[in-house]
Amino acid sequence: MTPTHRLNLADVERVPVDAAMCRSLVAQARRHRELAVAARAIPDLVGGFQVAYDGCRKVALSVVLASGLRPKSAAHHKVTFDAAAALVARHRNGAEASAIKKSLDDATDLRQIRAGSEYRAEEVTAANLEDAVAILDELLDALPALLDQLLA
């Protein structure tokens, strides 16, 4: 499956940009990363995974909100990742854009594991947690620069 990263405008609404909130979401995502890593030692694989996933969502949401949009559909997590990927496509080029979009696609895929653990009590593996932390690391490395650009 090849994602198209097209934003359906029916899935978002215009909102005023709140730079402080956008930056706070990134700070929360960074703390979520630390909490997810610490969860390995307990071990709380489900909790660590869920907080790493939420960190991915929050850092993606920060750039969406910085563009003056907010997801409003029932599938708002997917819309968040798709909207962030559409913004990356608009503001980045070449290999950098491809790498960031791949990380956002990977974060989108984590939604299935999250839903399984939350709604069907499916097990989260250590590998799932490691993947979620790695994806969060990639997004935290890439998206704050786009956030700064959008807020400038």
C-alpha atoms as a PDB file:
ATOM      1  CA  MET A   1       0.000   0.000   0.000  1.00  0.00           C
ATOM      2  CA  THR A   2       1.436   3.363  -1.037  1.00  0.00           C
ATOM      3  CA  PRO A   3       0.089   6.274   0.989  1.00  0.00           C
ATOM      4  CA  THR A   4      -0.950   9.357  -0.963  1.00  0.00           C
ATOM      5  CA  HIS A   5      -0.814  11.860   1.921  1.00  0.00           C
ATOM      6  CA  ARG A   6      -3.743  13.842   0.648  1.00  0.00           C
ATOM      7  CA  LEU A   7      -5.598  15.808   3.202  1.00  0.00           C
ATOM      8  CA  ASN A   8      -9.374  15.624   3.072  1.00  0.00           C
ATOM      9  CA  LEU A   9     -10.481  19.087   4.153  1.00  0.00           C
ATOM     10  CA  ALA A  10     -13.697  17.604   5.553  1.00  0.00           C
ATOM     11  CA  ASP A  11     -11.541  15.900   8.214  1.00  0.00           C
ATOM     12  CA  VAL A  12     -10.014  19.130   9.557  1.00  0.00           C
ATOM     13  CA  GLU A  13     -11.116  22.523  10.717  1.00  0.00           C
ATOM     14  CA  ARG A  14      -9.346  25.869  10.785  1.00  0.00           C
ATOM     15  CA  VAL A  15      -8.158  27.016  14.196  1.00  0.00           C
ATOM     16  CA  PRO A  16      -6.018  29.901  15.433  1.00  0.00           C
ATOM     17  CA  VAL A  17      -2.368  28.973  15.781  1.00  0.00           C
ATOM     18  CA  ASP A  18      -1.227  28.741  19.393  1.00  0.00           C
ATOM     19  CA  ALA A  19       2.569  28.540  19.284  1.00  0.00           C
ATOM     20  CA  ALA A  20       2.866  27.816  22.999  1.00  0.00           C
ATOM     21  CA  MET A  21       0.507  24.836  22.728  1.00  0.00           C
ATOM     22  CA  CYS A  22       2.382  23.503  19.695  1.00  0.00           C
ATOM     23  CA  ARG A  23       5.700  23.691  21.536  1.00  0.00           C
ATOM     24  CA  SER A  24       4.116  22.142  24.627  1.00  0.00           C
ATOM     25  CA  LEU A  25       3.015  19.132  22.571  1.00  0.00           C
ATOM     26  CA  VAL A  26       6.610  18.567  21.452  1.00  0.00           C
ATOM     27  CA  ALA A  27       7.824  18.854  25.050  1.00  0.00           C
ATOM     28  CA  GLN A  28       5.161  16.336  26.102  1.00  0.00           C
ATOM     29  CA  ALA A  29       6.269  13.988  23.312  1.00  0.00           C
ATOM     30  CA  ARG A  30       9.869  14.197  24.557  1.00  0.00           C
ATOM     31  CA  ARG A  31       8.746  13.318  28.106  1.00  0.00           C
ATOM     32  CA  HIS A  32       6.585  10.502  26.728  1.00  0.00           C
ATOM     33  CA  ARG A  33       9.700   9.091  25.068  1.00  0.00           C
ATOM     34  CA  GLU A  34      11.518   9.015  28.404  1.00  0.00           C
ATOM     35  CA  LEU A  35       8.542   7.382  30.089  1.00  0.00           C
ATOM     36  CA  ALA A  36       8.301   4.753  27.335  1.00  0.00           C
ATOM     37  CA  VAL A  37      11.985   3.912  27.723  1.00  0.00           C
ATOM     38  CA  ALA A  38      11.588   3.686  31.515  1.00  0.00           C
ATOM     39  CA  ALA A  39       8.605   1.335  31.069  1.00  0.00           C
ATOM     40  CA  ARG A  40      10.966  -1.305  29.679  1.00  0.00           C
ATOM     41  CA  ALA A  41      12.444  -1.843  33.140  1.00  0.00           C
ATOM     42  CA  ILE A  42       9.144  -2.429  34.950  1.00  0.00           C
ATOM     43  CA  PRO A  43       8.324  -4.103  32.423  1.00  0.00           C
ATOM     44  CA  ASP A  44       5.142  -2.422  31.280  1.00  0.00           C
ATOM     45  CA  LEU A  45       5.185  -3.077  27.551  1.00  0.00           C
ATOM     46  CA  VAL A  46       1.588  -1.979  26.988  1.00  0.00           C
ATOM     47  CA  GLY A  47       1.976   1.264  28.923  1.00  0.00           C
ATOM     48  CA  GLY A  48       5.327   2.035  27.340  1.00  0.00           C
ATOM     49  CA  PHE A  49       3.975   1.363  23.875  1.00  0.00           C
ATOM     50  CA  GLN A  50       0.874   3.471  24.397  1.00  0.00           C
ATOM     51  CA  VAL A  51       2.827   6.437  25.706  1.00  0.00           C
ATOM     52  CA  ALA A  52       5.351   6.171  22.830  1.00  0.00           C
ATOM     53  CA  TYR A  53       2.483   6.038  20.344  1.00  0.00           C
ATOM     54  CA  ASP A  54       0.901   9.060  22.001  1.00  0.00           C
ATOM     55  CA  GLY A  55       4.222  10.880  21.713  1.00  0.00           C
ATOM     56  CA  CYS A  56       4.233  10.178  17.970  1.00  0.00           C
ATOM     57  CA  ARG A  57       0.719  11.550  17.693  1.00  0.00           C
ATOM     58  CA  LYS A  58       1.500  14.660  19.718  1.00  0.00           C
ATOM     59  CA  VAL A  59       4.603  15.647  17.768  1.00  0.00           C
ATOM     60  CA  ALA A  60       2.665  15.141  14.510  1.00  0.00           C
ATOM     61  CA  LEU A  61      -0.258  17.131  15.907  1.00  0.00           C
ATOM     62  CA  SER A  62       2.074  20.001  16.790  1.00  0.00           C
ATOM     63  CA  VAL A  63       2.872  20.666  13.121  1.00  0.00           C
ATOM     64  CA  VAL A  64      -0.753  20.260  12.068  1.00  0.00           C
ATOM     65  CA  LEU A  65      -1.882  22.803  14.656  1.00  0.00           C
ATOM     66  CA  ALA A  66       0.997  25.106  13.656  1.00  0.00           C
ATOM     67  CA  SER A  67      -0.476  25.172  10.160  1.00  0.00           C
ATOM     68  CA  GLY A  68      -3.805  26.375  11.561  1.00  0.00           C
ATOM     69  CA  LEU A  69      -5.618  23.053  11.203  1.00  0.00           C
ATOM     70  CA  ARG A  70      -7.080  20.599  13.707  1.00  0.00           C
ATOM     71  CA  PRO A  71      -8.346  17.089  12.979  1.00  0.00           C
ATOM     72  CA  LYS A  72     -12.074  16.774  13.652  1.00  0.00           C
ATOM     73  CA  SER A  73     -13.164  13.428  12.239  1.00  0.00           C
ATOM     74  CA  ALA A  74     -13.786  10.245  14.181  1.00  0.00           C
ATOM     75  CA  ALA A  75     -10.483   8.933  12.805  1.00  0.00           C
ATOM     76  CA  HIS A  76      -8.582  11.914  14.179  1.00  0.00           C
ATOM     77  CA  HIS A  77      -5.379   9.980  14.914  1.00  0.00           C
ATOM     78  CA  LYS A  78      -5.073   8.840  11.297  1.00  0.00           C
ATOM     79  CA  VAL A  79      -6.016  12.313  10.083  1.00  0.00           C
ATOM     80  CA  THR A  80      -3.282  13.774  12.304  1.00  0.00           C
ATOM     81  CA  PHE A  81      -0.602  11.585  10.737  1.00  0.00           C
ATOM     82  CA  ASP A  82      -1.946  12.128   7.202  1.00  0.00           C
ATOM     83  CA  ALA A  83      -2.102  15.899   7.670  1.00  0.00           C
ATOM     84  CA  ALA A  84       1.439  15.976   9.053  1.00  0.00           C
ATOM     85  CA  ALA A  85       2.630  13.948   6.048  1.00  0.00           C
ATOM     86  CA  ALA A  86       0.868  16.354   3.668  1.00  0.00           C
ATOM     87  CA  LEU A  87       2.649  19.266   5.377  1.00  0.00           C
ATOM     88  CA  VAL A  88       5.984  17.477   5.072  1.00  0.00           C
ATOM     89  CA  ALA A  89       5.309  16.945   1.366  1.00  0.00           C
ATOM     90  CA  ARG A  90       4.601  20.660   0.986  1.00  0.00           C
ATOM     91  CA  HIS A  91       7.590  21.945   2.985  1.00  0.00           C
ATOM     92  CA  ARG A  92      10.363  19.355   2.514  1.00  0.00           C
ATOM     93  CA  ASN A  93      11.960  17.763  -0.534  1.00  0.00           C
ATOM     94  CA  GLY A  94      13.749  14.632  -1.644  1.00  0.00           C
ATOM     95  CA  ALA A  95      15.223  12.114   0.741  1.00  0.00           C
ATOM     96  CA  GLU A  96      14.409  14.208   3.815  1.00  0.00           C
ATOM     97  CA  ALA A  97      10.709  14.326   2.920  1.00  0.00           C
ATOM     98  CA  SER A  98      10.652  10.614   2.099  1.00  0.00           C
ATOM     99  CA  ALA A  99      12.243   9.671   5.420  1.00  0.00           C
ATOM    100  CA  ILE A 100       9.864  11.817   7.464  1.00  0.00           C
ATOM    101  CA  LYS A 101       6.812  10.574   5.561  1.00  0.00           C
ATOM    102  CA  LYS A 102       7.951   6.977   6.102  1.00  0.00           C
ATOM    103  CA  SER A 103       8.173   7.620   9.849  1.00  0.00           C
ATOM    104  CA  LEU A 104       4.667   9.102   9.795  1.00  0.00           C
ATOM    105  CA  ASP A 105       3.402   6.086   7.838  1.00  0.00           C
ATOM    106  CA  ASP A 106       5.041   3.811  10.414  1.00  0.00           C
ATOM    107  CA  ALA A 107       3.363   5.782  13.213  1.00  0.00           C
ATOM    108  CA  THR A 108       0.038   5.356  11.420  1.00  0.00           C
ATOM    109  CA  ASP A 109       0.642   1.600  11.358  1.00  0.00           C
ATOM    110  CA  LEU A 110       1.204   1.617  15.134  1.00  0.00           C
ATOM    111  CA  ARG A 111      -2.480   2.510  15.486  1.00  0.00           C
ATOM    112  CA  GLN A 112      -3.412  -1.116  14.810  1.00  0.00           C
ATOM    113  CA  ILE A 113      -1.250  -2.373  17.671  1.00  0.00           C
ATOM    114  CA  ARG A 114      -2.589   0.364  19.945  1.00  0.00           C
ATOM    115  CA  ALA A 115      -6.189  -0.537  19.107  1.00  0.00           C
ATOM    116  CA  GLY A 116      -5.486  -4.225  19.662  1.00  0.00           C
ATOM    117  CA  SER A 117      -3.982  -3.606  23.078  1.00  0.00           C
ATOM    118  CA  GLU A 118      -6.692  -1.173  24.170  1.00  0.00           C
ATOM    119  CA  TYR A 119      -9.816  -2.808  22.811  1.00  0.00           C
ATOM    120  CA  ARG A 120      -8.966  -6.495  22.499  1.00  0.00           C
ATOM    121  CA  ALA A 121      -6.378  -6.967  25.284  1.00  0.00           C
ATOM    122  CA  GLU A 122      -3.816  -8.143  22.715  1.00  0.00           C
ATOM    123  CA  GLU A 123      -0.239  -8.441  23.907  1.00  0.00           C
ATOM    124  CA  VAL A 124       2.329  -5.798  23.081  1.00  0.00           C
ATOM    125  CA  THR A 125       5.789  -7.245  22.522  1.00  0.00           C
ATOM    126  CA  ALA A 126       9.151  -5.780  23.436  1.00  0.00           C
ATOM    127  CA  ALA A 127       9.750  -5.405  19.696  1.00  0.00           C
ATOM    128  CA  ASN A 128       6.531  -3.373  19.359  1.00  0.00           C
ATOM    129  CA  LEU A 129       7.718  -1.048  22.116  1.00  0.00           C
ATOM    130  CA  GLU A 130      11.172  -0.718  20.560  1.00  0.00           C
ATOM    131  CA  ASP A 131       9.602   0.115  17.186  1.00  0.00           C
ATOM    132  CA  ALA A 132       7.340   2.751  18.736  1.00  0.00           C
ATOM    133  CA  VAL A 133      10.263   4.404  20.546  1.00  0.00           C
ATOM    134  CA  ALA A 134      12.383   4.342  17.368  1.00  0.00           C
ATOM    135  CA  ILE A 135       9.584   5.943  15.338  1.00  0.00           C
ATOM    136  CA  LEU A 136       9.084   8.563  18.040  1.00  0.00           C
ATOM    137  CA  ASP A 137      12.827   9.292  17.958  1.00  0.00           C
ATOM    138  CA  GLU A 138      12.665   9.789  14.182  1.00  0.00           C
ATOM    139  CA  LEU A 139       9.708  12.149  14.463  1.00  0.00           C
ATOM    140  CA  LEU A 140      11.310  14.104  17.297  1.00  0.00           C
ATOM    141  CA  ASP A 141      14.456  14.462  15.186  1.00  0.00           C
ATOM    142  CA  ALA A 142      12.558  15.733  12.133  1.00  0.00           C
ATOM    143  CA  LEU A 143       9.318  17.495  12.967  1.00  0.00           C
ATOM    144  CA  PRO A 144      10.393  20.232  15.419  1.00  0.00           C
ATOM    145  CA  ALA A 145      12.338  21.952  12.601  1.00  0.00           C
ATOM    146  CA  LEU A 146       9.168  21.982  10.481  1.00  0.00           C
ATOM    147  CA  LEU A 147       7.256  23.279  13.496  1.00  0.00           C
ATOM    148  CA  ASP A 148       9.737  26.140  13.850  1.00  0.00           C
ATOM    149  CA  GLN A 149       9.364  26.922  10.143  1.00  0.00           C
ATOM    150  CA  LEU A 150       5.573  26.956  10.339  1.00  0.00           C
ATOM    151  CA  LEU A 151       5.578  29.160  13.431  1.00  0.00           C
ATOM    152  CA  ALA A 152       8.098  31.654  11.993  1.00  0.00           C
END
